[in-house]
Protein backbone atom coordinates (compact mmCIF):
# COMPACT_ATOMS: atom_id res chain seq x y z
CA MET A 1 -0.10 0.24 -0.19
CA PHE A 2 1.27 3.29 -0.92
CA ASN A 3 1.09 6.05 1.87
CA ASN A 4 3.48 8.93 1.84
CA PHE A 5 5.38 9.93 -1.27
CA GLU A 6 8.66 11.66 -1.71
CA GLU A 7 9.20 13.74 -4.72
CA GLY A 8 11.10 11.53 -7.63
CA GLN A 9 9.98 8.49 -5.90
CA LEU A 10 9.62 5.29 -8.30
CA ILE A 11 6.28 3.39 -7.76
CA LYS A 12 5.03 0.39 -9.76
CA THR A 13 1.49 0.23 -10.24
CA LYS A 14 -1.45 -0.51 -12.63
CA ILE A 15 -3.84 1.91 -14.73
CA VAL A 16 -7.26 1.76 -13.51
CA ALA A 17 -8.70 4.13 -15.89
CA ILE A 18 -8.03 6.33 -19.09
CA TYR A 19 -10.40 9.46 -19.28
CA GLY A 20 -9.19 11.82 -22.17
CA GLU A 21 -5.60 13.46 -21.11
CA ASN A 22 -5.30 11.73 -17.65
CA ILE A 23 -4.39 8.19 -16.95
CA PHE A 24 -5.30 6.92 -13.51
CA LEU A 25 -3.17 4.78 -11.55
CA ASP A 26 -4.00 2.54 -8.85
CA LEU A 27 -2.49 3.76 -5.26
CA ASN A 28 -4.36 1.46 -3.12
CA MET A 29 -5.62 4.72 -1.49
CA LYS A 30 -9.12 6.43 -1.39
CA SER A 31 -7.92 8.48 -4.24
CA GLU A 32 -5.81 7.54 -7.62
CA GLY A 33 -2.97 8.70 -8.85
CA ILE A 34 -2.77 10.68 -12.25
CA ILE A 35 -0.41 10.84 -15.08
CA ASP A 36 -0.55 12.76 -18.40
CA SER A 37 -1.75 10.48 -21.27
CA SER A 38 0.69 12.38 -23.37
CA GLU A 39 3.49 10.63 -22.28
CA PHE A 40 2.34 7.36 -23.36
CA LEU A 41 1.51 8.39 -27.12
CA ASN A 42 3.56 6.39 -29.84
CA ASP A 43 4.85 7.76 -33.24
CA ASN A 44 1.26 7.21 -34.71
CA GLY A 45 -0.23 9.43 -32.08
CA THR A 46 -2.02 6.56 -30.53
CA LEU A 47 -1.83 5.40 -26.86
CA SER A 48 0.69 2.21 -26.18
CA VAL A 49 -0.95 1.49 -22.84
CA LYS A 50 -4.30 0.14 -21.81
CA VAL A 51 -6.24 -0.40 -18.42
CA GLY A 52 -4.82 -3.19 -16.52
CA ASP A 53 -1.31 -2.49 -17.98
CA THR A 54 1.53 -2.08 -15.18
CA ILE A 55 3.71 0.75 -15.51
CA SER A 56 6.54 2.55 -13.87
CA ALA A 57 6.09 6.30 -12.70
CA TYR A 58 7.89 8.91 -10.41
CA PHE A 59 5.79 10.93 -7.98
CA ILE A 60 6.13 14.86 -8.52
CA SER A 61 3.40 16.56 -6.33
CA ASN A 62 0.53 16.49 -4.19
CA ASP A 63 -2.05 19.04 -5.63
CA HIS A 64 -4.94 19.38 -2.97
CA GLY A 65 -5.04 15.46 -2.64
CA GLU A 66 -4.50 14.59 -6.31
CA MET A 67 -1.30 12.87 -6.66
CA HIS A 68 0.43 13.66 -9.82
CA PHE A 69 3.17 11.27 -11.50
CA THR A 70 5.18 11.11 -14.72
CA THR A 71 7.40 9.15 -16.44
CA ARG A 72 9.86 12.10 -16.84
CA LEU A 73 10.54 15.28 -14.76
CA LYS A 74 9.50 18.35 -16.56
CA GLY A 75 12.06 21.09 -16.40
CA ASP A 76 9.91 23.78 -14.73
CA LYS A 77 9.46 20.95 -11.66
CA ALA A 78 13.03 20.44 -11.29
CA ASN A 79 15.00 22.18 -8.67
CA THR A 80 18.32 21.00 -7.63
CA ALA A 81 17.27 18.57 -5.07
CA VAL A 82 14.70 17.04 -7.66
CA LEU A 83 17.76 16.90 -10.19
CA GLU A 84 19.64 15.00 -7.58
CA LYS A 85 16.78 12.41 -7.07
CA ALA A 86 16.35 12.06 -10.83
CA TYR A 87 20.19 11.20 -11.16
CA GLN A 88 20.30 8.65 -8.45
CA GLY A 89 16.94 7.03 -9.64
CA LYS A 90 17.55 7.25 -13.39
CA ILE A 91 14.62 9.47 -13.82
CA PRO A 92 14.35 11.04 -17.25
CA VAL A 93 13.95 14.90 -16.99
CA GLU A 94 13.06 17.35 -19.69
CA GLY A 95 15.20 20.35 -20.84
CA SER A 96 15.56 23.12 -23.35
CA VAL A 97 18.68 23.24 -25.56
CA GLU A 98 19.64 26.49 -25.21
CA LYS A 99 22.95 27.05 -27.42
CA GLU A 100 25.84 25.30 -28.68
CA ILE A 101 29.13 25.65 -26.79
CA LYS A 102 32.45 23.95 -26.80
CA GLY A 103 32.04 20.06 -27.32
CA GLY A 104 28.24 20.18 -27.02
CA PHE A 105 25.08 22.01 -26.09
CA GLU A 106 24.02 23.96 -23.07
CA ILE A 107 20.90 22.74 -21.64
CA LYS A 108 18.80 24.78 -19.18
CA ILE A 109 16.73 22.58 -16.60
CA GLY A 110 14.56 24.47 -14.27
CA ASP A 111 16.94 26.82 -12.79
CA SER A 112 20.11 24.63 -13.63
CA ARG A 113 22.31 24.39 -16.38
CA ALA A 114 23.59 21.26 -17.93
CA PHE A 115 26.05 19.84 -20.35
CA CYS A 116 25.48 17.52 -23.38
CA PRO A 117 28.00 16.63 -25.24
CA PHE A 118 27.38 16.25 -29.28
CA SER A 119 27.70 12.35 -29.15
CA GLN A 120 24.89 12.35 -26.64
CA MET A 121 22.47 14.66 -28.68
CA GLY A 122 19.82 12.61 -30.78
CA TYR A 123 19.49 9.07 -31.45
CA ARG A 124 19.39 7.31 -34.86
CA GLN A 125 19.08 10.61 -36.69
CA LYS A 126 22.21 12.68 -37.84
CA GLU A 127 21.61 16.25 -37.61
CA GLU A 128 23.13 19.48 -37.63
CA PRO A 129 23.82 21.29 -34.05
CA LYS A 130 21.31 24.10 -35.05
CA PHE A 131 18.70 21.75 -35.71
CA PHE A 132 18.63 20.99 -31.74
CA ILE A 133 19.06 24.50 -30.87
CA GLY A 134 15.79 25.95 -28.98
CA LYS A 135 14.03 22.21 -28.86
CA THR A 136 12.85 21.01 -25.45
CA MET A 137 14.13 17.59 -25.36
CA THR A 138 14.34 14.63 -22.85
CA PHE A 139 17.53 13.57 -20.90
CA LEU A 140 19.15 11.10 -18.52
CA ILE A 141 21.63 12.55 -16.40
CA GLN A 142 24.90 11.25 -16.36
CA GLU A 143 26.66 13.02 -13.76
CA PHE A 144 25.82 15.24 -11.01
CA ASN A 145 27.92 17.37 -8.64
CA ARG A 146 26.03 19.73 -6.44
CA GLU A 147 29.01 21.54 -5.15
CA GLN A 148 30.71 22.36 -8.45
CA HIS A 149 27.13 22.81 -10.14
CA ASN A 150 28.35 20.01 -12.65
CA ILE A 151 25.71 18.32 -14.62
CA ILE A 152 26.16 16.28 -17.71
CA VAL A 153 22.97 14.87 -19.44
CA SER A 154 22.37 12.43 -22.41
CA ASN A 155 19.51 12.46 -24.88
CA ARG A 156 20.86 9.45 -26.46
CA ALA A 157 20.60 7.78 -23.16
CA PHE A 158 17.16 8.52 -22.48
CA HIS A 159 16.27 6.89 -26.15
CA GLU A 160 18.38 3.89 -25.45
CA GLU A 161 16.43 3.48 -22.51
CA GLU A 162 13.40 3.82 -23.84
CA GLU A 163 14.36 1.28 -26.97
CA ASN A 164 15.30 -1.03 -24.30
CA LYS A 165 11.82 -1.10 -22.28
CA LYS A 166 10.37 -1.40 -25.92
CA VAL A 167 12.00 -4.37 -26.76
CA ALA A 168 11.46 -6.10 -23.49
CA LYS A 169 7.67 -5.66 -23.84
CA LEU A 170 7.52 -6.80 -27.28
CA LYS A 171 9.44 -10.02 -26.70
CA LYS A 172 6.71 -10.71 -24.18
CA GLU A 173 3.75 -9.71 -26.91
CA LEU A 174 5.45 -10.75 -30.23
CA LYS A 175 6.11 -14.36 -31.49
CA VAL A 176 7.00 -16.05 -34.88
CA GLY A 177 3.54 -17.27 -36.39
CA MET A 178 1.26 -14.47 -35.07
CA LEU A 179 -0.76 -11.91 -36.86
CA VAL A 180 0.21 -8.23 -36.49
CA LYS A 181 -0.91 -4.88 -38.16
CA GLY A 182 1.40 -2.58 -39.94
CA THR A 183 1.81 0.67 -41.81
CA ILE A 184 3.74 0.39 -45.10
CA LEU A 185 6.57 3.06 -44.54
CA SER A 186 8.62 2.43 -47.69
CA LEU A 187 8.71 0.54 -51.35
CA GLN A 188 11.92 -1.09 -52.53
CA SER A 189 12.49 -3.31 -55.55
CA PHE A 190 12.86 -6.36 -53.00
CA GLY A 191 9.94 -5.37 -50.94
CA ALA A 192 8.56 -2.77 -47.88
CA PHE A 193 9.37 -1.62 -45.01
CA VAL A 194 6.46 -1.80 -42.70
CA ASP A 195 6.08 -0.01 -39.15
CA VAL A 196 5.15 -2.98 -36.72
CA GLU A 197 4.68 -1.56 -33.18
CA GLY A 198 7.46 0.90 -33.81
CA ILE A 199 9.97 -1.83 -35.38
CA GLN A 200 10.63 -1.77 -39.24
CA ALA A 201 9.34 -4.81 -40.37
CA LEU A 202 10.71 -6.18 -44.04
CA LEU A 203 7.78 -7.66 -46.27
CA PRO A 204 9.65 -9.39 -48.92
CA ILE A 205 8.46 -9.03 -52.62
CA SER A 206 8.02 -12.86 -52.63
CA GLU A 207 5.90 -12.67 -49.60
CA ILE A 208 3.35 -10.26 -51.02
CA LYS A 209 0.93 -12.54 -52.69
CA ARG A 210 0.93 -16.00 -53.99
CA SER A 211 1.48 -14.94 -57.60
CA ARG A 212 4.74 -13.31 -58.86
CA VAL A 213 4.76 -9.40 -58.22
CA GLN A 214 6.09 -7.73 -61.18
CA ASP A 215 5.65 -4.08 -59.86
CA ILE A 216 5.47 -3.62 -56.20
CA GLU A 217 4.02 -0.17 -56.63
CA LYS A 218 0.62 -1.72 -58.22
CA GLU A 219 0.27 -4.09 -55.18
CA LEU A 220 0.98 -1.36 -51.97
CA LYS A 221 0.94 1.87 -51.44
CA ILE A 222 3.00 4.11 -48.67
CA GLY A 223 0.77 4.59 -45.56
CA GLU A 224 -1.52 1.81 -46.41
CA LYS A 225 -2.58 -0.33 -43.19
CA ILE A 226 -2.03 -4.17 -43.64
CA GLN A 227 -2.34 -7.34 -41.64
CA ALA A 228 0.64 -10.29 -41.99
CA GLN A 229 2.22 -13.07 -40.11
CA ILE A 230 5.43 -12.82 -38.52
CA LEU A 231 8.18 -15.25 -40.24
CA SER A 232 10.98 -14.25 -38.30
CA LEU A 233 11.94 -12.33 -35.40
CA ASP A 234 15.21 -11.04 -33.69
CA LEU A 235 14.14 -7.97 -31.50
CA ASP A 236 17.76 -7.48 -30.32
CA HIS A 237 18.75 -6.40 -33.39
CA LYS A 238 15.46 -4.87 -34.34
CA LYS A 239 14.87 -7.32 -37.26
CA MET A 240 11.22 -8.83 -38.38
CA SER A 241 10.37 -10.26 -41.64
CA ILE A 242 6.45 -10.74 -42.06
CA SER A 243 4.09 -12.01 -44.99
CA THR A 244 0.86 -11.04 -46.21
CA LYS A 245 1.00 -13.99 -48.57
CA ALA A 246 0.58 -16.41 -45.34
CA LEU A 247 -3.00 -15.15 -45.13
CA ILE A 248 -3.74 -16.19 -48.61
CA GLU A 249 -5.13 -19.86 -48.96
CA ASP A 250 -2.38 -21.92 -50.70
CA PRO A 251 -3.76 -23.57 -53.80
CA TRP A 252 -1.49 -26.51 -53.50
CA ASP A 253 -3.65 -27.48 -50.31
CA THR A 254 -6.42 -28.27 -52.59
CA VAL A 255 -4.56 -28.86 -55.89
CA LEU A 256 -6.01 -32.81 -56.42
CA LYS A 257 -9.72 -31.48 -55.38
CA LYS A 258 -9.40 -29.07 -58.27
CA TYR A 259 -7.46 -30.63 -60.85
CA LYS A 260 -6.70 -34.14 -62.68
CA VAL A 261 -4.39 -35.76 -65.04
CA GLY A 262 -5.93 -35.11 -68.38
CA ASP A 263 -7.64 -31.82 -67.37
CA LYS A 264 -7.40 -29.55 -70.29
CA ILE A 265 -7.14 -25.64 -69.01
CA GLU A 266 -6.30 -22.11 -70.26
CA GLY A 267 -3.10 -20.41 -68.29
CA THR A 268 -0.65 -17.71 -68.70
CA ILE A 269 2.99 -17.95 -69.52
CA SER A 270 4.53 -16.50 -66.20
CA LYS A 271 8.13 -17.41 -67.02
CA ILE A 272 10.14 -18.19 -70.13
CA THR A 273 13.56 -20.28 -69.56
CA SER A 274 16.00 -22.43 -71.80
CA PHE A 275 14.11 -25.77 -70.93
CA GLY A 276 10.58 -24.60 -71.13
CA LEU A 277 7.93 -22.44 -70.21
CA PHE A 278 6.03 -21.66 -67.04
CA ILE A 279 2.51 -21.79 -67.00
CA ASN A 280 0.34 -19.98 -64.28
CA ILE A 281 -2.84 -21.96 -63.70
CA GLU A 282 -3.92 -19.80 -60.87
CA PRO A 283 -2.47 -17.26 -58.57
CA GLY A 284 0.55 -19.25 -56.68
CA MET A 285 0.34 -22.30 -59.04
CA ASP A 286 2.44 -22.73 -61.97
CA GLY A 287 3.17 -25.79 -63.98
CA LEU A 288 5.91 -26.36 -66.44
CA LEU A 289 5.67 -27.38 -70.39
CA PHE A 290 8.99 -28.40 -71.13
CA ILE A 291 10.52 -27.38 -74.75
CA SER A 292 10.44 -30.97 -75.64
CA LYS A 293 6.66 -31.17 -75.99
CA LEU A 294 6.33 -27.77 -77.62
CA PRO A 295 5.91 -28.26 -81.56
CA GLU A 296 8.60 -26.92 -83.98
CA THR A 297 11.31 -26.77 -81.51
CA SER A 298 14.58 -28.09 -80.16
CA GLU A 299 16.84 -27.85 -77.33
CA ASN A 300 18.51 -25.08 -79.10
CA THR A 301 15.40 -22.84 -79.71
CA ASN A 302 15.04 -19.56 -78.37
CA LEU A 303 11.58 -19.65 -76.73
CA ASN A 304 11.71 -16.07 -76.09
CA LYS A 305 11.18 -15.17 -79.70
CA LEU A 306 8.16 -17.46 -80.15
CA TYR A 307 6.28 -16.60 -77.13
CA LYS A 308 5.60 -13.75 -74.61
CA ILE A 309 4.95 -13.67 -70.62
CA GLY A 310 1.46 -12.93 -70.35
CA GLU A 311 0.40 -14.98 -73.37
CA LYS A 312 -2.18 -17.12 -72.82
CA MET A 313 -1.93 -20.86 -73.85
CA PHE A 314 -4.07 -23.68 -73.40
CA VAL A 315 -2.28 -26.87 -71.95
CA GLU A 316 -3.39 -30.27 -70.82
CA ILE A 317 -1.95 -31.71 -67.38
CA ASP A 318 -0.09 -34.68 -67.56
CA ASN A 319 1.12 -35.42 -64.04
CA ILE A 320 0.57 -33.82 -60.45
CA ASP A 321 3.17 -34.13 -57.74
CA GLU A 322 1.32 -32.64 -54.75
CA ARG A 323 4.24 -33.04 -52.45
CA GLY A 324 6.70 -31.76 -54.60
CA ARG A 325 4.35 -28.94 -55.81
CA ARG A 326 4.82 -29.73 -59.32
CA ILE A 327 2.48 -30.18 -62.40
CA ALA A 328 3.42 -31.54 -66.11
CA LEU A 329 2.07 -30.14 -68.81
CA SER A 330 1.44 -30.45 -72.46
CA PRO A 331 0.12 -28.09 -75.03
CA THR A 332 -3.28 -28.83 -76.47
CA LYS A 333 -5.87 -27.09 -78.30
CA SER A 334 -8.92 -25.31 -76.69
CA LYS A 335 -12.48 -27.14 -76.78
CA GLU A 336 -13.33 -24.20 -79.26
CA GLU A 337 -10.86 -24.94 -81.74
CA GLU A 338 -11.48 -28.91 -81.47
CA ASP A 339 -14.82 -28.39 -81.93
CA ASN A 340 -14.02 -26.01 -84.89
CA ILE A 341 -11.73 -28.92 -86.40
CA ASN A 342 -14.43 -31.49 -85.84
CA SER A 343 -16.84 -29.71 -87.54
CA TYR A 344 -14.74 -29.15 -90.29
CA MET A 345 -13.73 -32.78 -90.75
CA GLN A 346 -17.41 -33.49 -90.71
CA THR A 347 -18.25 -30.95 -93.16
CA GLN A 348 -15.60 -32.70 -95.55
CA VAL A 349 -16.89 -35.97 -95.31
CA ASP A 350 -20.56 -34.72 -95.86
CA ASP A 351 -19.57 -32.66 -99.13
CA LYS A 352 -17.45 -36.16 -100.18
CA ASP A 353 -20.79 -38.23 -99.75
CA ASP A 354 -23.17 -35.64 -101.79
CA THR A 355 -20.67 -35.95 -104.74
CA TYR A 356 -19.49 -39.47 -104.86
CA ASN A 357 -21.92 -42.02 -105.67
CA PRO A 358 -20.57 -45.57 -105.92
CA PHE A 359 -23.18 -47.28 -107.84
CA ALA A 360 -23.30 -44.16 -110.38
CA GLU A 361 -19.49 -44.82 -110.72
CA PHE A 362 -19.99 -48.40 -111.40
CA MET A 363 -22.71 -47.99 -114.01
CA LYS A 364 -20.68 -45.50 -115.72
CA ASN A 365 -17.72 -47.58 -115.50
CA LYS A 366 -19.57 -50.69 -117.05
CA LYS A 367 -20.65 -48.53 -120.25
């Protein structure tokens, strides 16, 4: 049970309610603790916590019975005594970047002045010093000497600590095989980078859909929201690969229910090789038509001169290897072509029957 609090005291407690800009904390008292919800907004502007979550927070004030907490101390509430507690408790503090000085920046935190080296300003981004001047940023105090009025802070250390907390949280929540939601950040020739819980996940171009993707920009748009399955996960190195293809039914699972040897179907040439043609039967399923089965060709024939990707072709199924995910094909004629040929042959027979009379020919020869 929490009773008396000291400024800067760290507590671990649960969120009991969220209303607008305030998050209420369970203190096992007549009243709850209050913390600004803005401290838990992620890069997308949405809350990263929910009712029931356990968080760590620092006590900052008692305002007429309202117990206020924070995950970081604001500069206007940080006197020297509070800063010393922040240093001892590794409490983040907010400060204003006043100006560039030799070796780094002068930071104003409350009534105190602190120093942040160039190497400790910013995290992953590489910016010119003038970029930071005038900004209010969050720091961790690395050194504190009250007598010499010497305070050294680091913005980089704060971000690293936050990143470590986020990774620890994600390790408990994310697992290979689970479904996640993300936002497309950028498109590349090899795939898309997707924001998933603050991690840049890779969606390889081969994992977008069951069929081959020729132009990724026709399939995905920057800013688009997607759902995908986690294929691999290495949170220690901030790596994740995902798949939207995994959410689409695999046609090979039902191949024997849909097709059988001898079936004649229309496919599309999806790939041309030196040894034959790959024919797309349906999204995610290609069959192979070997060059030896193509008319008027030899092993030295350049099939690229005879056929084009995207061209329609009628084929017959010779063999289905479900386990090996292979289908062997032969060229054939469409039902319409076969009907036309049969109709033509019948017409030829009928025409011959009308003009040729064996008995009349016999009588003619007898005379």
